Amino acid sequence: MTSMEENRVKGYYGEFGGSFIPEDLQKAMDQIEEAFLRYKNDPEFLQEYEYYLKEYVGRENPLTYAENLTNKVGGAKIYLKREDLNHTGAHKINNVLGQILVAKKMGIKRIIAETGAGQHGVATATACALFGMECVIYMGKKDTERQALNVFRMELLGAKVVAVDKGEGHLAEAVDEALGDLMQNYKNTFYLIGSAVGPHPYPQMIKEFQAVISKESKKQILEKEGKLPTAVVACVGGGSNAIGAFAHYIEEPNVRLIGVEPAEAASLSKGVPAVLHGFNSYVLQDKDGNLLPTHSIAAGLDYQSVGPEHSYLRDSGRGEYVPVSGQEALEAFQILSQEEGIIPALESSHAVAYAMKLAKELSKDDIIIVNLSGRGDKDVEQVFEMLKK
């Protein structure tokens, strides 16, 4: 069996996942996998990682009972897992710190990343500043325009932001450019992927570092309510916040796992199994294999594929995946702001919108945990313009 064939049997979730990349690039993946597997259970590595989660990110963050929202909607109790309170404003920093510590152990000083809404880019630029590493961020040109403030943040933190003016000018094109950079520079570069996507070992590695979300929420809900939630709800683009929010509940069959996709970019609802960006998963493409355009109001959800474990959870029936429209998310953005004094990211607003629907169908004894994956500072100007229209 060749090394290419070996890697196509590794990193699978059912039929999804794997590593479909050129041989040279596979060497880089093998090195990353070896380092990740060596350090993920290493006491010294974990002590350093947990130090930064506590002292730099500010974990553990609260599991907040949204009492006003619960009373407004009726039905189940709604709790918010507050990833919006992390340093840099989203869940992205959990994974970034884990991966950058792996890169540090490997002796690599140049970091590249892709970003959609800019939160992963900001988190990566932040960690590179902290550890004194060179940082290059690829971002679709249209996304740089609607997330101009995050572009400025990345540059302020010392990163070079490359606007990708190809195709749709969104996240998929940014990933293409980042992979091209890695192909040329893999000997001295670490590609820090932001979502639970990519060739093996990325989906596994990103889940490992995002699982802190559900590790905390499980402990917190048992302390607060004495029982597990009826459902955990999270938005899904590539799927990193969702897989982190689900991880410690996957083996709890009575807890529903609900991923909420944007109706305008719903890979799991409307896609077909295919290989994109080095892994097999559900992909939005036409019968000729061309990627279909996506137009979500949330830049971080504008991606034509999804993490392979989500595809597996969907097909196995363990996970439920539902679409929510941009209009519904926009309404939820305003409702949560007005009811709880918490302005959510537009990405997270999709999960809030579905949780409000679901709560009405459940009883007062039921509990919903919504993963509030990020805060809405980055979206306020965009929402202002949309509401003006």
Protein backbone atom coordinates (compact mmCIF):
# COMPACT_ATOMS: atom_id res chain seq x y z
CA MET A 1 0.00 0.00 0.00
CA THR A 2 1.43 3.43 -0.96
CA SER A 3 1.49 6.29 1.56
CA MET A 4 -1.31 7.98 -0.45
CA GLU A 5 -3.48 4.85 -0.12
CA GLU A 6 -2.64 4.55 3.58
CA ASN A 7 -3.80 8.10 4.21
CA ARG A 8 -7.04 7.44 2.41
CA VAL A 9 -7.95 4.84 5.00
CA LYS A 10 -6.96 7.09 7.92
CA GLY A 11 -9.05 9.90 9.31
CA TYR A 12 -12.42 8.54 8.22
CA TYR A 13 -15.87 9.03 9.74
CA GLY A 14 -17.85 6.37 7.91
CA GLU A 15 -17.22 7.17 4.24
CA PHE A 16 -16.29 10.79 4.95
CA GLY A 17 -12.91 12.40 5.58
CA GLY A 18 -9.57 10.99 4.42
CA SER A 19 -6.68 12.81 2.77
CA PHE A 20 -6.83 13.46 -0.97
CA ILE A 21 -3.78 15.63 -1.56
CA PRO A 22 -0.50 15.52 -3.55
CA GLU A 23 2.31 13.34 -2.25
CA ASP A 24 4.57 16.27 -1.24
CA LEU A 25 1.78 17.87 0.75
CA GLN A 26 1.03 14.52 2.37
CA LYS A 27 4.53 14.57 3.89
CA ALA A 28 3.62 17.81 5.68
CA MET A 29 0.32 16.26 6.87
CA ASP A 30 2.17 13.21 8.19
CA GLN A 31 4.52 15.45 10.20
CA ILE A 32 1.59 17.42 11.64
CA GLU A 33 -0.27 14.21 12.50
CA GLU A 34 2.80 12.75 14.19
CA ALA A 35 3.31 15.91 16.28
CA PHE A 36 -0.39 16.19 17.17
CA LEU A 37 -0.66 12.55 18.28
CA ARG A 38 2.57 12.88 20.29
CA TYR A 39 1.49 16.01 22.16
CA LYS A 40 -2.31 15.79 22.56
CA ASN A 41 -1.96 13.62 25.68
CA ASP A 42 1.44 14.93 26.77
CA PRO A 43 1.14 16.35 30.34
CA GLU A 44 3.57 19.21 29.68
CA PHE A 45 1.81 20.22 26.43
CA LEU A 46 -1.64 20.03 28.07
CA GLN A 47 -0.46 22.08 31.05
CA GLU A 48 0.75 24.82 28.69
CA TYR A 49 -2.45 24.68 26.60
CA GLU A 50 -4.67 24.83 29.69
CA TYR A 51 -2.59 27.73 31.06
CA TYR A 52 -3.32 29.81 27.97
CA LEU A 53 -7.01 28.80 27.92
CA LYS A 54 -7.37 30.10 31.47
CA GLU A 55 -5.00 33.05 31.63
CA TYR A 56 -5.25 34.31 28.04
CA VAL A 57 -8.63 33.22 26.66
CA GLY A 58 -10.48 33.54 29.98
CA ARG A 59 -11.94 30.03 30.27
CA GLU A 60 -14.02 28.53 31.61
CA ASN A 61 -16.70 30.82 30.23
CA PRO A 62 -20.28 30.87 31.61
CA LEU A 63 -23.31 28.80 30.69
CA THR A 64 -25.89 31.57 30.99
CA TYR A 65 -29.60 30.92 31.55
CA ALA A 66 -31.39 33.15 29.02
CA GLU A 67 -34.38 33.74 31.30
CA ASN A 68 -35.88 36.68 29.38
CA LEU A 69 -35.62 34.87 26.05
CA THR A 70 -37.08 31.71 27.60
CA ASN A 71 -40.05 33.66 28.97
CA LYS A 72 -40.60 35.44 25.67
CA VAL A 73 -40.55 32.24 23.59
CA GLY A 74 -42.19 29.82 26.05
CA GLY A 75 -41.48 26.12 26.38
CA ALA A 76 -37.98 24.79 27.06
CA LYS A 77 -35.33 26.57 29.11
CA ILE A 78 -32.66 28.14 26.88
CA TYR A 79 -29.03 28.29 28.05
CA LEU A 80 -26.23 30.07 26.18
CA LYS A 81 -22.68 28.69 26.16
CA ARG A 82 -20.77 31.95 26.09
CA GLU A 83 -17.97 31.52 23.54
CA ASP A 84 -18.60 35.19 22.72
CA LEU A 85 -16.81 36.07 25.99
CA ASN A 86 -13.50 34.51 24.92
CA HIS A 87 -10.55 36.79 24.15
CA THR A 88 -10.90 37.78 20.45
CA GLY A 89 -14.68 37.28 20.67
CA ALA A 90 -15.36 33.73 19.44
CA HIS A 91 -14.65 30.02 19.79
CA LYS A 92 -11.84 30.19 17.22
CA ILE A 93 -9.12 30.95 19.77
CA ASN A 94 -9.56 27.51 21.46
CA ASN A 95 -8.34 25.71 18.34
CA VAL A 96 -5.80 28.35 17.30
CA LEU A 97 -3.90 28.08 20.57
CA GLY A 98 -3.86 24.29 20.36
CA GLN A 99 -2.54 24.23 16.80
CA ILE A 100 -0.01 27.03 17.31
CA LEU A 101 1.45 25.17 20.30
CA VAL A 102 1.82 22.09 18.04
CA ALA A 103 3.58 24.30 15.43
CA LYS A 104 5.83 25.71 18.18
CA LYS A 105 6.78 22.16 19.25
CA MET A 106 7.59 21.40 15.59
CA GLY A 107 9.91 24.43 15.44
CA ILE A 108 7.85 26.16 12.71
CA LYS A 109 7.76 29.99 12.74
CA ARG A 110 5.58 30.80 9.71
CA ILE A 111 1.80 30.43 10.08
CA ILE A 112 -0.79 30.71 7.32
CA ALA A 113 -4.57 30.57 7.70
CA GLU A 114 -7.83 31.14 5.85
CA THR A 115 -10.74 33.14 7.24
CA GLY A 116 -14.34 33.89 6.28
CA ALA A 117 -15.89 36.24 8.82
CA GLY A 118 -12.43 37.18 10.04
CA GLN A 119 -12.72 35.74 13.56
CA HIS A 120 -10.34 32.87 12.82
CA GLY A 121 -7.97 35.31 11.16
CA VAL A 122 -8.06 37.62 14.19
CA ALA A 123 -7.49 34.67 16.56
CA THR A 124 -4.56 33.43 14.45
CA ALA A 125 -3.01 36.89 14.20
CA THR A 126 -3.44 37.27 17.97
CA ALA A 127 -1.66 33.99 18.74
CA CYS A 128 1.12 34.76 16.24
CA ALA A 129 1.69 38.10 17.98
CA LEU A 130 1.80 36.32 21.34
CA PHE A 131 4.33 33.72 20.16
CA GLY A 132 6.35 35.95 17.79
CA MET A 133 5.46 34.11 14.57
CA GLU A 134 5.08 35.33 11.00
CA CYS A 135 1.39 35.38 10.00
CA VAL A 136 -0.29 35.39 6.56
CA ILE A 137 -4.10 35.32 6.35
CA TYR A 138 -6.02 34.51 3.15
CA MET A 139 -9.51 36.00 2.90
CA GLY A 140 -12.00 36.27 0.03
CA LYS A 141 -12.14 39.80 -1.38
CA LYS A 142 -15.91 40.11 -0.80
CA ASP A 143 -15.41 39.00 2.81
CA THR A 144 -12.65 41.61 3.33
CA GLU A 145 -15.15 44.26 2.25
CA ARG A 146 -17.98 43.20 4.55
CA GLN A 147 -15.61 42.47 7.44
CA ALA A 148 -13.28 45.46 7.00
CA LEU A 149 -12.97 45.99 10.75
CA ASN A 150 -11.61 42.47 11.23
CA VAL A 151 -9.12 43.04 8.39
CA PHE A 152 -7.87 46.12 10.26
CA ARG A 153 -7.65 44.09 13.50
CA MET A 154 -5.52 41.41 11.80
CA GLU A 155 -3.19 44.03 10.31
CA LEU A 156 -2.98 45.84 13.66
CA LEU A 157 -1.86 42.53 15.20
CA GLY A 158 0.93 42.27 12.64
CA ALA A 159 -0.59 39.87 10.09
CA LYS A 160 -0.40 40.21 6.32
CA VAL A 161 -3.94 39.89 4.91
CA VAL A 162 -4.18 38.64 1.31
CA ALA A 163 -7.52 39.45 -0.39
CA VAL A 164 -8.41 36.64 -2.84
CA ASP A 165 -10.19 38.05 -5.89
CA LYS A 166 -11.13 34.78 -7.61
CA GLY A 167 -14.42 32.93 -8.11
CA GLU A 168 -17.01 33.99 -5.54
CA GLY A 169 -14.39 35.80 -3.45
CA HIS A 170 -15.43 33.88 -0.32
CA LEU A 171 -14.03 31.24 2.03
CA ALA A 172 -13.60 28.43 -0.54
CA GLU A 173 -11.30 30.62 -2.65
CA ALA A 174 -9.34 31.66 0.46
CA VAL A 175 -8.79 27.95 1.27
CA ASP A 176 -7.60 27.34 -2.31
CA GLU A 177 -4.97 30.09 -1.99
CA ALA A 178 -3.83 28.92 1.44
CA LEU A 179 -3.37 25.36 0.12
CA GLY A 180 -1.38 26.78 -2.81
CA ASP A 181 0.90 28.61 -0.38
CA LEU A 182 1.36 25.43 1.66
CA MET A 183 2.26 23.47 -1.50
CA GLN A 184 5.14 25.89 -2.13
CA ASN A 185 6.28 26.42 1.45
CA TYR A 186 5.37 23.26 3.39
CA LYS A 187 8.90 22.78 4.72
CA ASN A 188 8.79 25.95 6.83
CA THR A 189 5.04 26.68 7.10
CA PHE A 190 2.17 25.46 9.28
CA TYR A 191 -1.34 25.82 7.83
CA LEU A 192 -3.59 26.63 10.79
CA ILE A 193 -7.06 25.61 9.56
CA GLY A 194 -9.96 27.29 11.34
CA SER A 195 -12.83 24.88 10.84
CA ALA A 196 -13.31 21.14 11.27
CA VAL A 197 -12.45 20.54 7.62
CA GLY A 198 -9.44 19.67 5.48
CA PRO A 199 -7.39 16.51 4.99
CA HIS A 200 -6.61 14.24 7.94
CA PRO A 201 -5.51 15.03 10.68
CA TYR A 202 -7.23 18.46 10.72
CA PRO A 203 -10.84 17.42 11.48
CA GLN A 204 -9.62 15.25 14.38
CA MET A 205 -7.20 17.89 15.67
CA ILE A 206 -9.72 20.73 15.54
CA LYS A 207 -12.36 18.64 17.32
CA GLU A 208 -9.80 17.83 20.03
CA PHE A 209 -9.13 21.52 20.71
CA GLN A 210 -12.77 22.65 20.42
CA ALA A 211 -14.14 19.84 22.63
CA VAL A 212 -13.42 22.07 25.63
CA ILE A 213 -16.79 23.73 24.82
CA SER A 214 -18.88 20.62 25.53
CA LYS A 215 -16.57 19.42 28.30
CA GLU A 216 -17.42 22.62 30.18
CA SER A 217 -21.11 22.85 29.24
CA LYS A 218 -21.77 19.25 30.30
CA LYS A 219 -20.28 19.87 33.75
CA GLN A 220 -22.06 23.23 34.04
CA ILE A 221 -25.56 21.99 33.08
CA LEU A 222 -25.28 19.08 35.54
CA GLU A 223 -24.37 21.58 38.28
CA LYS A 224 -27.23 23.94 37.36
CA GLU A 225 -30.03 21.51 36.46
CA GLY A 226 -28.90 18.11 37.70
CA LYS A 227 -29.49 16.56 34.27
CA LEU A 228 -28.27 16.66 30.69
CA PRO A 229 -29.89 18.93 28.10
CA THR A 230 -32.64 17.77 25.75
CA ALA A 231 -30.76 19.33 22.82
CA VAL A 232 -27.51 21.09 21.96
CA VAL A 233 -27.87 23.58 19.10
CA ALA A 234 -24.99 25.15 17.15
CA CYS A 235 -24.54 26.87 13.79
CA VAL A 236 -22.66 24.95 11.09
CA GLY A 237 -20.53 26.35 8.29
CA GLY A 238 -17.40 24.23 8.24
CA GLY A 239 -18.50 23.03 11.65
CA SER A 240 -15.80 23.65 14.28
CA ASN A 241 -17.94 25.33 16.94
CA ALA A 242 -20.64 22.70 16.42
CA ILE A 243 -18.33 19.69 16.67
CA GLY A 244 -16.83 21.22 19.82
CA ALA A 245 -20.30 21.82 21.28
CA PHE A 246 -21.38 18.24 20.42
CA ALA A 247 -18.19 16.28 21.26
CA HIS A 248 -18.91 15.26 24.87
CA TYR A 249 -22.58 14.53 24.13
CA ILE A 250 -22.10 12.24 21.10
CA GLU A 251 -22.10 9.19 23.40
CA GLU A 252 -25.22 10.46 25.22
CA PRO A 253 -28.03 9.11 22.98
CA ASN A 254 -30.78 11.05 24.76
CA VAL A 255 -29.21 14.41 23.91
CA ARG A 256 -30.25 15.69 20.49
CA LEU A 257 -27.41 17.24 18.47
CA ILE A 258 -28.76 19.90 16.11
CA GLY A 259 -26.61 21.73 13.58
CA VAL A 260 -28.10 24.83 11.99
CA GLU A 261 -27.00 25.71 8.46
CA PRO A 262 -27.69 28.90 6.53
CA ALA A 263 -30.44 28.11 4.01
CA GLU A 264 -28.28 29.91 1.42
CA ALA A 265 -25.28 27.58 1.96
CA ALA A 266 -26.75 24.33 3.29
CA SER A 267 -24.22 21.64 2.34
CA LEU A 268 -25.79 18.93 4.50
CA SER A 269 -29.34 19.67 3.34
CA LYS A 270 -28.67 20.19 -0.37
CA GLY A 271 -25.16 18.85 -1.10
CA VAL A 272 -23.80 15.59 -2.48
CA PRO A 273 -20.80 13.53 -1.31
CA ALA A 274 -17.65 14.73 -3.09
CA VAL A 275 -14.00 15.60 -2.49
CA LEU A 276 -13.14 19.28 -1.91
CA HIS A 277 -10.00 20.72 -0.33
CA GLY A 278 -8.50 17.29 0.31
CA PHE A 279 -11.37 15.52 2.11
CA ASN A 280 -14.62 13.75 1.28
CA SER A 281 -17.84 15.28 2.60
CA TYR A 282 -21.14 16.82 1.47
CA VAL A 283 -20.48 19.53 -1.11
CA LEU A 284 -22.71 22.06 -2.88
CA GLN A 285 -21.94 21.44 -6.54
CA ASP A 286 -23.75 21.02 -9.85
CA LYS A 287 -23.92 17.81 -11.91
CA ASP A 288 -20.64 18.75 -13.64
CA GLY A 289 -18.82 19.11 -10.34
CA ASN A 290 -18.71 22.93 -10.35
CA LEU A 291 -19.13 24.59 -6.94
CA LEU A 292 -22.47 26.33 -6.49
CA PRO A 293 -22.45 29.97 -5.30
CA THR A 294 -23.33 30.67 -1.66
CA HIS A 295 -24.73 33.92 -0.28
CA SER A 296 -25.18 33.68 3.49
CA ILE A 297 -25.44 36.95 5.43
CA ALA A 298 -22.87 35.39 7.79
CA ALA A 299 -19.44 35.30 6.12
CA GLY A 300 -18.27 32.54 8.48
CA LEU A 301 -20.95 30.16 7.15
CA ASP A 302 -20.33 30.85 3.44
CA TYR A 303 -18.64 27.54 2.55
CA GLN A 304 -19.68 24.90 0.02
CA SER A 305 -18.66 21.93 2.15
CA VAL A 306 -18.73 20.89 5.80
CA GLY A 307 -16.60 18.93 8.27
CA PRO A 308 -16.60 15.19 7.53
CA GLU A 309 -17.74 14.17 11.01
CA HIS A 310 -20.89 16.26 10.55
CA SER A 311 -21.59 14.37 7.32
CA TYR A 312 -21.19 11.12 9.25
CA LEU A 313 -23.43 12.29 12.11
CA ARG A 314 -26.06 13.29 9.55
CA ASP A 315 -26.00 9.99 7.66
CA SER A 316 -25.89 7.88 10.82
CA GLY A 317 -28.88 9.76 12.23
CA ARG A 318 -26.99 10.84 15.36
CA GLY A 319 -27.03 14.47 14.30
CA GLU A 320 -29.91 16.57 12.96
CA TYR A 321 -29.14 19.36 10.49
CA VAL A 322 -31.63 22.08 9.65
CA PRO A 323 -31.57 25.20 7.46
CA VAL A 324 -32.39 28.71 8.74
CA SER A 325 -32.78 31.70 6.43
CA GLY A 326 -30.77 34.91 6.65
CA GLN A 327 -33.95 36.79 7.52
CA GLU A 328 -34.67 34.48 10.47
CA ALA A 329 -31.09 34.89 11.69
CA LEU A 330 -31.35 38.69 11.39
CA GLU A 331 -34.52 38.65 13.51
CA ALA A 332 -32.84 36.44 16.14
CA PHE A 333 -29.84 38.82 16.16
CA GLN A 334 -32.17 41.65 17.20
CA ILE A 335 -34.30 39.60 19.62
CA LEU A 336 -31.35 38.26 21.64
CA SER A 337 -29.84 41.76 21.77
CA GLN A 338 -33.08 43.27 23.05
CA GLU A 339 -34.09 40.48 25.44
CA GLU A 340 -30.74 39.59 27.01
CA GLY A 341 -28.41 42.50 26.27
CA ILE A 342 -26.17 40.10 24.32
CA ILE A 343 -25.37 40.95 20.68
CA PRO A 344 -24.58 37.63 18.93
CA ALA A 345 -22.54 37.05 15.79
CA LEU A 346 -24.68 36.56 12.69
CA GLU A 347 -23.32 33.01 12.51
CA SER A 348 -24.53 32.28 16.07
CA SER A 349 -27.84 34.02 15.32
CA HIS A 350 -28.76 31.09 13.05
CA ALA A 351 -28.54 28.76 16.06
CA VAL A 352 -30.50 31.18 18.24
CA ALA A 353 -33.24 31.40 15.59
CA TYR A 354 -33.70 27.62 15.49
CA ALA A 355 -33.50 27.27 19.28
CA MET A 356 -36.41 29.70 19.62
CA LYS A 357 -38.49 27.57 17.24
CA LEU A 358 -37.51 24.36 19.00
CA ALA A 359 -38.20 25.69 22.51
CA LYS A 360 -41.86 26.31 21.60
CA GLU A 361 -42.25 22.64 20.64
CA LEU A 362 -40.79 21.38 23.94
CA SER A 363 -42.00 21.49 27.55
CA LYS A 364 -40.81 23.58 30.49
CA ASP A 365 -38.92 20.52 31.76
CA ASP A 366 -36.75 20.46 28.64
CA ILE A 367 -33.40 22.24 28.30
CA ILE A 368 -31.70 23.60 25.19
CA ILE A 369 -28.04 24.64 25.16
CA VAL A 370 -27.23 27.07 22.35
CA ASN A 371 -23.56 27.46 21.54
CA LEU A 372 -23.17 31.22 21.22
CA SER A 373 -20.08 30.84 19.04
CA GLY A 374 -19.18 34.52 18.83
CA ARG A 375 -20.16 38.09 19.55
CA GLY A 376 -21.71 40.46 17.06
CA ASP A 377 -19.34 43.46 17.20
CA LYS A 378 -17.98 42.51 13.77
CA ASP A 379 -21.50 42.43 12.28
CA VAL A 380 -23.07 45.58 13.73
CA GLU A 381 -22.15 47.82 10.79
CA GLN A 382 -23.35 45.20 8.27
CA VAL A 383 -26.65 44.75 10.15
CA PHE A 384 -27.07 48.52 10.38
CA GLU A 385 -26.82 48.77 6.57
CA MET A 386 -29.19 45.82 6.05
CA LEU A 387 -31.81 47.25 8.39
CA LYS A 388 -31.57 50.66 6.72
CA LYS A 389 -32.52 49.03 3.42
